[in-house]
């Protein structure tokens, strides 16, 4: 049986996808047990010595100067979780909740949090047995981490809050009972160890990056198909052009486009026409999509560093020191997810403009709006409207959340990242662009109906897969189901897999 082994050091975006969506089980690496127990022993020694340690025997935030009697340290942690569970909005999707739990376990496994092994193991049991806390999507400012949403996660360990088990919503206590999992009585430092971190913004980001990599491939396939339908040239993808401006993503995109268009009879048929250059939306795909790809690679790097980091506070070191710092601050994720949103928005901008070109007889030489009996039928006119509305929405969503900060906790937390807002917006942008690219693929496939010649090998494979899902448009019909089917081909990776198989070479 496949299992993701958690050691606090080597978790990847692919691991997050497997656990979050494929429900692969997780286990803790043996070496983590001693680290967890060692840091817990230090916390208990500090308690016995009555030394003042933030979050262990003090209040939180602006209340940090209030020392808590040793007899009340357990109540302190329970109250922390209860008071911080103040989120609002629609619950996070199940895959995001599972990713959050996985990432929190991975951070705790590093042994810098002072939590008991029993508590970590309870979180592992919840993940493996499918007890998923109900976590509201709004309420985090991204420093001190994702406090509110992680508090909702932690309530369920205590037998409080709410959780989903086998698709039914229960109280936290009922869900834990149905899953056969004992609840936890939190002890000193444990509430803070569960709440203080960037796992929600990082979880949303990791799943978005996984899906965005499918999206870039799909956008290149759509662009190649549109180029064929608009009788463009592949000359702009000549490798020599891109080697003299050697951005890695640009080189990679040009190579992919060359392979998709290989052996195109359509392109060969108009090789000697009077047209000198294509519009930028076609000609500059390597430069624009390549820049997005390079940005995505950077975002992945940031996320994988973060998901394998100790990002709570204070941190417990094996030499006996407990040190307060700011690793909970979500600024690295906030900036990365704002970049992600801008990069993915640009893919949508190119895709929508290309779809628009397919609608104009003057631009394409095709029937207006790709409609049979235009006038009686409107064809794909309004599908392009939908794409336009989505890219316009993205222009609002891609405004950087990280440039805003509102002080919290009576000014003690006077700069916050808004990283979770950035991540949520990035995920919304991603879904919008999946639909925009799906519309381009639908329109470009319809445009190819007017050609008797064969397109490139990769384009043909994509066209045939789309035609296996939706019929050519002979007369008007509702298109929303067609768009959804093609979007599913993009998000599942089926479109990419089909094209790669047909080309018999890696893209």
Protein backbone atom coordinates (compact mmCIF):
# COMPACT_ATOMS: atom_id res chain seq x y z
CA UNK A 1 0.00 0.00 0.00
CA UNK A 2 1.32 3.43 -0.95
CA UNK A 3 2.15 5.71 1.98
CA UNK A 4 3.71 9.15 2.32
CA UNK A 5 6.29 9.05 5.11
CA UNK A 6 6.53 12.32 6.98
CA UNK A 7 9.93 13.39 8.30
CA UNK A 8 9.62 17.18 8.36
CA UNK A 9 12.21 17.59 5.62
CA UNK A 10 11.26 16.22 2.21
CA UNK A 11 7.55 16.83 1.56
CA UNK A 12 6.78 17.88 -2.03
CA UNK A 13 3.87 19.40 -3.93
CA UNK A 14 3.24 15.94 -5.41
CA UNK A 15 3.05 14.41 -1.91
CA UNK A 16 0.48 17.03 -0.92
CA UNK A 17 -1.60 16.19 -3.99
CA UNK A 18 -1.47 12.45 -3.25
CA UNK A 19 -2.56 12.81 0.37
CA UNK A 20 -5.08 15.60 -0.21
CA UNK A 21 -6.84 14.24 -3.30
CA UNK A 22 -5.94 10.59 -3.70
CA UNK A 23 -6.26 10.00 0.06
CA UNK A 24 -2.92 8.24 0.32
CA UNK A 25 -2.21 7.44 3.98
CA UNK A 26 0.63 8.97 5.94
CA UNK A 27 3.09 7.64 8.48
CA UNK A 28 5.72 9.26 10.69
CA UNK A 29 9.42 8.53 10.13
CA UNK A 30 11.00 6.80 13.13
CA UNK A 31 13.65 9.48 13.62
CA UNK A 32 10.93 12.06 14.29
CA UNK A 33 9.77 10.35 17.47
CA UNK A 34 12.92 11.24 19.41
CA UNK A 35 12.87 14.82 18.13
CA UNK A 36 9.25 15.30 19.20
CA UNK A 37 9.86 13.72 22.61
CA UNK A 38 13.05 15.72 23.11
CA UNK A 39 11.37 19.07 22.51
CA UNK A 40 8.47 18.07 24.75
CA UNK A 41 10.86 17.22 27.57
CA UNK A 42 12.36 20.71 27.37
CA UNK A 43 8.91 22.34 27.68
CA UNK A 44 8.14 20.27 30.76
CA UNK A 45 11.49 21.18 32.32
CA UNK A 46 10.77 24.87 31.79
CA UNK A 47 7.39 24.44 33.44
CA UNK A 48 8.93 22.79 36.50
CA UNK A 49 11.49 25.57 36.81
CA UNK A 50 8.71 28.19 36.60
CA UNK A 51 10.75 30.14 34.04
CA UNK A 52 8.62 32.61 32.07
CA UNK A 53 8.23 31.32 28.50
CA UNK A 54 5.94 32.98 25.96
CA UNK A 55 2.89 30.87 25.16
CA UNK A 56 3.79 28.22 27.70
CA UNK A 57 2.94 30.13 30.86
CA UNK A 58 2.04 33.57 29.51
CA UNK A 59 -0.85 35.09 27.64
CA UNK A 60 -0.72 35.63 23.89
CA UNK A 61 -0.15 38.60 21.61
CA UNK A 62 -0.54 41.84 23.54
CA UNK A 63 -1.33 39.76 26.64
CA UNK A 64 2.14 38.21 26.64
CA UNK A 65 3.17 40.19 29.73
CA UNK A 66 0.62 38.33 31.87
CA UNK A 67 2.09 35.26 33.55
CA UNK A 68 -0.20 32.27 34.00
CA UNK A 69 -0.15 30.09 37.11
CA UNK A 70 1.21 26.61 36.46
CA UNK A 71 -2.08 25.04 37.55
CA UNK A 72 -3.86 26.84 34.71
CA UNK A 73 -1.50 26.13 31.79
CA UNK A 74 -3.79 23.45 30.37
CA UNK A 75 -6.79 25.78 30.53
CA UNK A 76 -4.62 28.40 28.81
CA UNK A 77 -4.13 26.15 25.77
CA UNK A 78 -7.80 25.13 25.55
CA UNK A 79 -8.91 28.74 25.84
CA UNK A 80 -6.43 29.71 23.14
CA UNK A 81 -7.97 27.24 20.68
CA UNK A 82 -11.53 28.14 21.59
CA UNK A 83 -11.04 31.91 21.43
CA UNK A 84 -9.13 31.78 18.16
CA UNK A 85 -11.79 29.67 16.41
CA UNK A 86 -13.44 32.80 15.05
CA UNK A 87 -13.37 32.15 11.29
CA UNK A 88 -16.20 32.94 8.90
CA UNK A 89 -17.15 32.15 5.31
CA UNK A 90 -17.63 28.98 3.34
CA UNK A 91 -15.70 25.96 4.64
CA UNK A 92 -12.48 25.03 2.89
CA UNK A 93 -12.80 22.15 0.46
CA UNK A 94 -11.92 18.70 1.74
CA UNK A 95 -8.70 18.46 -0.28
CA UNK A 96 -7.45 21.73 1.20
CA UNK A 97 -8.34 20.61 4.74
CA UNK A 98 -6.41 17.38 4.21
CA UNK A 99 -3.44 19.34 2.86
CA UNK A 100 -3.56 21.64 5.91
CA UNK A 101 -3.50 18.66 8.28
CA UNK A 102 -0.62 17.03 6.40
CA UNK A 103 1.46 20.21 6.44
CA UNK A 104 0.85 20.80 10.14
CA UNK A 105 1.93 17.23 10.93
CA UNK A 106 5.07 17.73 8.86
CA UNK A 107 6.02 20.88 10.75
CA UNK A 108 5.38 19.26 14.12
CA UNK A 109 7.47 16.25 13.05
CA UNK A 110 10.57 18.47 12.88
CA UNK A 111 10.67 18.56 16.69
CA UNK A 112 10.76 22.31 17.33
CA UNK A 113 7.20 22.75 18.63
CA UNK A 114 7.20 21.17 22.10
CA UNK A 115 4.08 19.13 21.41
CA UNK A 116 3.47 15.60 22.70
CA UNK A 117 3.78 12.64 20.34
CA UNK A 118 0.26 11.57 21.35
CA UNK A 119 -1.18 14.81 19.98
CA UNK A 120 0.71 14.54 16.69
CA UNK A 121 -0.40 10.92 16.34
CA UNK A 122 -4.03 11.94 16.87
CA UNK A 123 -3.76 14.36 13.96
CA UNK A 124 -2.28 11.55 11.82
CA UNK A 125 -5.17 9.26 12.78
CA UNK A 126 -7.69 11.93 11.81
CA UNK A 127 -6.06 12.33 8.41
CA UNK A 128 -5.80 8.60 7.75
CA UNK A 129 -9.33 7.81 8.95
CA UNK A 130 -10.99 10.72 7.16
CA UNK A 131 -12.09 12.93 10.05
CA UNK A 132 -11.92 16.33 8.38
CA UNK A 133 -12.45 19.44 10.52
CA UNK A 134 -14.81 22.09 9.19
CA UNK A 135 -12.51 25.07 8.63
CA UNK A 136 -14.01 28.43 7.57
CA UNK A 137 -12.11 29.96 4.68
CA UNK A 138 -11.91 33.53 6.00
CA UNK A 139 -10.36 35.04 9.09
CA UNK A 140 -6.61 34.76 8.68
CA UNK A 141 -4.35 37.79 8.25
CA UNK A 142 -1.33 35.56 7.72
CA UNK A 143 0.60 36.46 10.90
CA UNK A 144 0.89 35.03 13.51
CA UNK A 145 0.25 32.46 10.84
CA UNK A 146 -3.18 31.07 10.06
CA UNK A 147 -4.46 31.33 13.60
CA UNK A 148 -8.23 31.30 13.11
CA UNK A 149 -8.47 28.44 10.57
CA UNK A 150 -5.91 26.29 12.42
CA UNK A 151 -7.93 26.82 15.61
CA UNK A 152 -10.97 25.31 13.89
CA UNK A 153 -8.80 22.32 12.93
CA UNK A 154 -7.54 21.98 16.49
CA UNK A 155 -10.98 22.15 18.11
CA UNK A 156 -11.78 18.73 16.69
CA UNK A 157 -8.75 17.13 18.39
CA UNK A 158 -10.32 18.31 21.64
CA UNK A 159 -13.71 16.84 20.71
CA UNK A 160 -15.17 20.27 19.96
CA UNK A 161 -16.03 22.20 16.81
CA UNK A 162 -17.35 20.36 13.76
CA UNK A 163 -16.00 17.81 11.30
CA UNK A 164 -16.96 15.88 8.19
CA UNK A 165 -16.81 12.09 8.38
CA UNK A 166 -17.87 9.96 5.42
CA UNK A 167 -19.52 13.02 3.82
CA UNK A 168 -21.70 13.77 6.84
CA UNK A 169 -21.24 16.77 9.15
CA UNK A 170 -21.02 16.04 12.88
CA UNK A 171 -19.89 17.70 16.06
CA UNK A 172 -16.17 17.23 16.61
CA UNK A 173 -16.84 14.73 19.38
CA UNK A 174 -19.22 12.63 17.26
CA UNK A 175 -16.86 12.64 14.28
CA UNK A 176 -13.95 11.46 16.43
CA UNK A 177 -16.10 8.71 17.93
CA UNK A 178 -17.23 7.52 14.52
CA UNK A 179 -13.62 7.48 13.35
CA UNK A 180 -12.59 5.50 16.42
CA UNK A 181 -10.14 8.19 17.56
CA UNK A 182 -9.60 9.35 21.15
CA UNK A 183 -9.75 13.08 21.73
CA UNK A 184 -6.86 14.96 23.31
CA UNK A 185 -6.63 17.00 26.50
CA UNK A 186 -4.18 19.68 25.44
CA UNK A 187 -1.28 20.37 27.77
CA UNK A 188 1.16 23.27 28.07
CA UNK A 189 2.33 24.78 24.73
CA UNK A 190 0.23 22.36 22.64
CA UNK A 191 -2.52 24.74 21.58
CA UNK A 192 0.04 27.24 20.39
CA UNK A 193 1.99 24.48 18.63
CA UNK A 194 -1.12 23.58 16.65
CA UNK A 195 -2.23 27.12 15.78
CA UNK A 196 0.89 29.07 15.00
CA UNK A 197 1.93 28.46 11.39
CA UNK A 198 1.32 29.08 7.70
CA UNK A 199 -0.28 25.77 6.78
CA UNK A 200 -3.55 27.07 5.31
CA UNK A 201 -1.99 29.51 2.86
CA UNK A 202 0.69 26.94 2.00
CA UNK A 203 -1.86 24.14 1.47
CA UNK A 204 -3.96 26.26 -0.89
CA UNK A 205 -0.81 27.31 -2.70
CA UNK A 206 0.58 23.79 -3.07
CA UNK A 207 -2.60 22.43 -4.65
CA UNK A 208 -2.85 25.48 -6.90
CA UNK A 209 0.73 24.99 -8.13
CA UNK A 210 0.02 21.35 -8.93
CA UNK A 211 -3.01 22.33 -11.00
CA UNK A 212 -1.29 25.30 -12.63
CA UNK A 213 1.34 23.04 -14.16
CA UNK A 214 -1.45 21.16 -15.95
CA UNK A 215 -2.90 24.50 -16.97
CA UNK A 216 0.26 25.80 -18.64
CA UNK A 217 0.58 22.66 -20.75
CA UNK A 218 -3.08 22.91 -21.68
CA UNK A 219 -2.76 26.60 -22.59
CA UNK A 220 0.12 25.76 -24.93
CA UNK A 221 -1.99 23.02 -26.55
CA UNK A 222 -4.87 25.49 -26.94
CA UNK A 223 -2.53 28.11 -28.36
CA UNK A 224 -1.08 25.68 -30.89
CA UNK A 225 -4.57 24.65 -31.94
CA UNK A 226 -5.64 28.29 -32.34
CA UNK A 227 -2.51 29.07 -34.34
CA UNK A 228 -3.43 26.30 -36.76
CA UNK A 229 -7.02 27.55 -37.04
CA UNK A 230 -5.86 31.14 -37.60
CA UNK A 231 -3.32 29.96 -40.19
CA UNK A 232 -0.38 31.29 -38.26
CA UNK A 233 3.25 30.31 -38.61
CA UNK A 234 5.51 28.28 -36.35
CA UNK A 235 8.57 30.29 -37.44
CA UNK A 236 8.50 32.35 -34.23
CA UNK A 237 9.16 29.17 -32.25
CA UNK A 238 12.50 28.48 -33.97
CA UNK A 239 14.91 27.42 -31.25
CA UNK A 240 17.59 29.86 -32.35
CA UNK A 241 15.38 32.81 -31.40
CA UNK A 242 14.98 31.56 -27.85
CA UNK A 243 18.57 30.49 -27.29
CA UNK A 244 19.67 34.12 -27.62
CA UNK A 245 17.23 35.14 -24.88
CA UNK A 246 17.66 32.06 -22.72
CA UNK A 247 14.96 32.29 -20.09
CA UNK A 248 14.28 28.62 -19.21
CA UNK A 249 10.48 28.83 -19.48
CA UNK A 250 10.64 30.60 -22.82
CA UNK A 251 12.95 27.93 -24.27
CA UNK A 252 10.74 25.18 -22.88
CA UNK A 253 7.51 26.68 -24.27
CA UNK A 254 8.98 27.15 -27.74
CA UNK A 255 10.11 23.53 -27.75
CA UNK A 256 6.67 22.31 -26.67
CA UNK A 257 4.96 24.36 -29.39
CA UNK A 258 7.31 22.99 -32.05
CA UNK A 259 6.45 19.45 -31.02
CA UNK A 260 2.72 20.13 -30.92
CA UNK A 261 2.80 21.58 -34.43
CA UNK A 262 5.13 19.01 -35.95
CA UNK A 263 4.08 17.69 -39.38
CA UNK A 264 1.18 20.15 -39.70
CA UNK A 265 -0.29 20.09 -43.19
CA UNK A 266 -2.23 23.27 -42.37
CA UNK A 267 0.90 25.28 -41.62
CA UNK A 268 2.71 23.82 -44.61
CA UNK A 269 -0.17 24.79 -46.92
CA UNK A 270 0.28 28.54 -46.40
CA UNK A 271 4.04 28.65 -45.95
CA UNK A 272 4.52 31.08 -48.86
CA UNK A 273 1.56 33.38 -48.19
CA UNK A 274 1.83 37.19 -48.00
CA UNK A 275 1.41 37.31 -44.23
CA UNK A 276 4.68 38.41 -42.59
CA UNK A 277 4.02 38.15 -38.84
CA UNK A 278 1.33 36.88 -36.50
CA UNK A 279 -0.25 38.94 -33.70
CA UNK A 280 1.56 38.87 -30.37
CA UNK A 281 -0.99 36.52 -28.83
CA UNK A 282 0.27 33.84 -31.20
CA UNK A 283 3.84 34.92 -31.84
CA UNK A 284 4.79 35.67 -28.22
CA UNK A 285 3.38 32.59 -26.50
CA UNK A 286 6.89 31.39 -25.53
CA UNK A 287 7.73 34.75 -24.00
CA UNK A 288 4.47 35.17 -22.07
CA UNK A 289 3.69 31.58 -21.10
CA UNK A 290 7.38 30.97 -20.50
CA UNK A 291 7.52 33.84 -18.01
CA UNK A 292 4.51 32.36 -16.23
CA UNK A 293 6.25 28.98 -16.14
CA UNK A 294 9.41 30.48 -14.63
CA UNK A 295 7.28 32.27 -12.04
CA UNK A 296 5.50 29.04 -11.23
CA UNK A 297 8.82 27.26 -10.70
CA UNK A 298 9.80 29.99 -8.23
CA UNK A 299 6.49 29.71 -6.38
CA UNK A 300 6.92 25.93 -6.12
CA UNK A 301 10.38 26.43 -4.60
CA UNK A 302 9.03 28.87 -2.01
CA UNK A 303 6.15 26.56 -1.08
CA UNK A 304 8.33 23.47 -0.72
CA UNK A 305 10.75 25.35 1.53
CA UNK A 306 7.83 26.55 3.64
CA UNK A 307 6.09 23.21 3.92
CA UNK A 308 9.31 21.71 5.33
CA UNK A 309 9.98 24.56 7.76
CA UNK A 310 9.43 25.12 11.46
CA UNK A 311 7.08 28.09 11.34
CA UNK A 312 5.50 28.34 14.76
CA UNK A 313 6.49 30.36 17.82
CA UNK A 314 8.24 30.04 20.17
CA UNK A 315 10.61 27.37 18.83
CA UNK A 316 12.03 24.70 21.09
CA UNK A 317 15.67 23.82 20.37
CA UNK A 318 17.35 20.60 21.41
CA UNK A 319 20.00 22.55 23.34
CA UNK A 320 17.28 23.54 25.82
CA UNK A 321 16.55 27.05 24.58
CA UNK A 322 13.01 28.19 23.76
CA UNK A 323 13.23 31.24 21.53
CA UNK A 324 10.52 33.61 20.34
CA UNK A 325 10.80 34.81 16.76
CA UNK A 326 8.68 35.40 13.69
CA UNK A 327 8.74 32.28 11.52
CA UNK A 328 4.93 32.32 11.52
CA UNK A 329 4.93 35.42 9.30
CA UNK A 330 3.43 34.51 5.93
CA UNK A 331 5.26 37.10 3.82
CA UNK A 332 7.20 34.55 1.67
CA UNK A 333 3.94 32.82 0.76
CA UNK A 334 2.02 36.08 0.34
CA UNK A 335 4.49 37.46 -2.20
CA UNK A 336 4.75 34.12 -4.00
CA UNK A 337 1.00 33.69 -4.32
CA UNK A 338 0.55 37.26 -5.54
CA UNK A 339 3.13 36.48 -8.22
CA UNK A 340 1.28 33.24 -9.00
CA UNK A 341 -1.99 35.13 -9.46
CA UNK A 342 -0.43 37.67 -11.82
CA UNK A 343 1.33 34.99 -13.87
CA UNK A 344 -1.76 32.82 -14.28
CA UNK A 345 -3.87 35.89 -15.08
CA UNK A 346 -1.55 36.60 -18.01
CA UNK A 347 -2.22 33.13 -19.42
CA UNK A 348 -5.92 33.95 -19.31
CA UNK A 349 -5.35 37.30 -20.99
CA UNK A 350 -3.58 35.70 -23.96
CA UNK A 351 -6.09 32.85 -24.21
CA UNK A 352 -9.15 35.11 -24.22
CA UNK A 353 -7.69 37.42 -26.88
CA UNK A 354 -6.94 34.41 -29.07
CA UNK A 355 -10.49 33.13 -28.65
CA UNK A 356 -11.74 36.57 -29.68
CA UNK A 357 -9.70 36.39 -32.90
CA UNK A 358 -11.43 33.12 -33.74
CA UNK A 359 -14.79 34.93 -33.61
CA UNK A 360 -13.98 37.54 -36.30
CA UNK A 361 -14.28 36.61 -39.96
CA UNK A 362 -11.82 39.41 -40.83
CA UNK A 363 -9.20 37.94 -38.48
CA UNK A 364 -9.77 34.27 -39.02
CA UNK A 365 -11.31 33.80 -42.46
CA UNK A 366 -13.82 31.57 -40.66
CA UNK A 367 -17.59 32.00 -40.28
CA UNK A 368 -18.46 34.75 -37.78
CA UNK A 369 -18.57 33.32 -34.24
CA UNK A 370 -17.87 29.89 -35.77
CA UNK A 371 -21.62 29.56 -36.39
CA UNK A 372 -23.38 27.57 -39.08
CA UNK A 373 -26.13 29.78 -40.56
CA UNK A 374 -24.95 32.86 -38.69
CA UNK A 375 -27.81 35.06 -37.60
CA UNK A 376 -30.11 32.14 -37.05
CA UNK A 377 -27.34 30.72 -34.87
CA UNK A 378 -25.03 32.74 -32.59
CA UNK A 379 -22.36 30.05 -32.39
CA UNK A 380 -19.70 30.75 -29.76
CA UNK A 381 -20.38 34.46 -29.41
CA UNK A 382 -21.34 34.31 -25.73
CA UNK A 383 -18.68 31.78 -24.79
CA UNK A 384 -16.18 34.52 -25.65
CA UNK A 385 -18.20 36.92 -23.44
CA UNK A 386 -17.76 34.46 -20.59
CA UNK A 387 -14.02 34.32 -21.14
CA UNK A 388 -13.91 38.13 -21.20
CA UNK A 389 -15.80 38.33 -17.89
CA UNK A 390 -13.39 35.89 -16.26
CA UNK A 391 -10.23 37.70 -17.32
CA UNK A 392 -11.75 40.98 -16.16
CA UNK A 393 -12.51 39.44 -12.78
CA UNK A 394 -8.92 38.24 -12.60
CA UNK A 395 -7.67 41.80 -12.97
CA UNK A 396 -9.34 42.57 -9.65
CA UNK A 397 -8.30 39.33 -7.97
CA UNK A 398 -4.66 39.71 -9.00
CA UNK A 399 -4.25 42.99 -7.11
CA UNK A 400 -1.53 41.98 -4.62
CA UNK A 401 -2.90 41.17 -1.17
CA UNK A 402 0.63 41.36 0.27
CA UNK A 403 0.82 45.15 -0.11
CA UNK A 404 -1.87 45.54 2.56
CA UNK A 405 -1.41 45.26 6.31
CA UNK A 406 -3.78 46.02 9.18
CA UNK A 407 -2.31 45.88 12.70
CA UNK A 408 -3.85 43.34 15.09
CA UNK A 409 -3.60 42.41 18.78
CA UNK A 410 -3.59 46.01 20.02
CA UNK A 411 -0.67 46.86 17.74
CA UNK A 412 1.60 44.04 18.98
CA UNK A 413 1.18 42.35 15.63
CA UNK A 414 1.63 45.52 13.64
CA UNK A 415 2.54 44.06 10.25
CA UNK A 416 0.70 41.09 8.80
CA UNK A 417 1.09 39.33 5.45
CA UNK A 418 -2.45 38.70 4.19
CA UNK A 419 -0.91 35.57 2.68
CA UNK A 420 -4.02 33.45 2.98
CA UNK A 421 -6.03 36.04 1.07
CA UNK A 422 -3.32 35.99 -1.62
CA UNK A 423 -3.53 32.19 -1.78
CA UNK A 424 -7.33 32.14 -1.96
CA UNK A 425 -7.33 34.74 -4.73
CA UNK A 426 -4.68 32.78 -6.62
CA UNK A 427 -6.82 29.65 -6.46
CA UNK A 428 -9.83 31.60 -7.77
CA UNK A 429 -7.75 33.02 -10.61
CA UNK A 430 -6.55 29.54 -11.48
CA UNK A 431 -10.09 28.20 -11.76
CA UNK A 432 -11.13 31.16 -13.89
CA UNK A 433 -8.24 30.59 -16.30
CA UNK A 434 -8.98 26.88 -16.53
CA UNK A 435 -12.39 27.89 -17.86
CA UNK A 436 -10.89 30.52 -20.19
CA UNK A 437 -8.51 27.96 -21.71
CA UNK A 438 -11.35 25.43 -21.94
CA UNK A 439 -13.31 27.98 -24.00
CA UNK A 440 -10.32 28.54 -26.28
CA UNK A 441 -9.94 24.77 -26.80
CA UNK A 442 -13.65 24.47 -27.57
CA UNK A 443 -13.54 27.33 -30.09
CA UNK A 444 -10.29 26.23 -31.73
CA UNK A 445 -11.60 22.68 -32.11
CA UNK A 446 -14.70 24.07 -33.81
CA UNK A 447 -12.53 26.19 -36.09
CA UNK A 448 -10.59 23.10 -37.20
CA UNK A 449 -13.85 21.65 -38.53
CA UNK A 450 -13.43 24.01 -41.50
CA UNK A 451 -10.08 22.50 -42.57
CA UNK A 452 -9.59 19.36 -44.65
CA UNK A 453 -5.84 19.26 -43.98
CA UNK A 454 -4.24 17.60 -40.96
CA UNK A 455 -3.01 19.74 -38.05
CA UNK A 456 0.20 18.98 -36.16
CA UNK A 457 0.46 15.68 -34.32
CA UNK A 458 -0.04 17.15 -30.86
CA UNK A 459 -2.89 19.39 -31.96
CA UNK A 460 -4.61 16.47 -33.67
CA UNK A 461 -4.39 14.35 -30.52
CA UNK A 462 -5.97 17.14 -28.45
CA UNK A 463 -8.68 17.72 -31.06
CA UNK A 464 -9.58 14.01 -31.13
CA UNK A 465 -9.82 13.86 -27.33
CA UNK A 466 -12.09 16.91 -27.26
CA UNK A 467 -14.26 15.45 -29.99
CA UNK A 468 -14.61 12.26 -27.94
CA UNK A 469 -16.27 14.43 -25.28
CA UNK A 470 -18.24 17.02 -27.28
CA UNK A 471 -19.71 17.08 -30.77
CA UNK A 472 -19.02 19.78 -33.36
CA UNK A 473 -21.41 22.73 -33.14
CA UNK A 474 -23.88 22.39 -36.02
CA UNK A 475 -26.60 24.53 -34.49
CA UNK A 476 -26.92 26.45 -31.25
CA UNK A 477 -27.03 24.52 -27.99
CA UNK A 478 -26.17 25.35 -24.37
CA UNK A 479 -22.37 25.32 -24.14
CA UNK A 480 -21.87 25.24 -20.38
CA UNK A 481 -21.65 21.45 -20.27
CA UNK A 482 -19.11 21.43 -23.09
CA UNK A 483 -16.96 23.98 -21.26
CA UNK A 484 -17.13 21.92 -18.06
CA UNK A 485 -16.09 18.72 -19.86
CA UNK A 486 -13.04 20.39 -21.39
CA UNK A 487 -12.14 22.07 -18.09
CA UNK A 488 -12.18 18.62 -16.48
CA UNK A 489 -9.80 17.34 -19.17
CA UNK A 490 -7.45 20.18 -18.21
CA UNK A 491 -7.63 19.86 -14.42
CA UNK A 492 -7.38 16.06 -14.40
CA UNK A 493 -4.31 16.07 -16.63
CA UNK A 494 -6.06 13.81 -19.15
CA UNK A 495 -5.51 16.28 -22.00
CA UNK A 496 -1.75 16.42 -21.39
CA UNK A 497 -1.50 12.66 -20.98
CA UNK A 498 -3.30 12.03 -24.28
CA UNK A 499 -1.07 14.44 -26.20
CA UNK A 500 2.11 13.04 -24.69
CA UNK A 501 1.05 9.49 -25.54
CA UNK A 502 0.32 10.39 -29.15
CA UNK A 503 3.60 12.21 -29.62
CA UNK A 504 5.52 9.26 -28.16
CA UNK A 505 8.06 11.65 -26.70
CA UNK A 506 8.20 13.73 -23.54
CA UNK A 507 6.95 17.30 -23.74
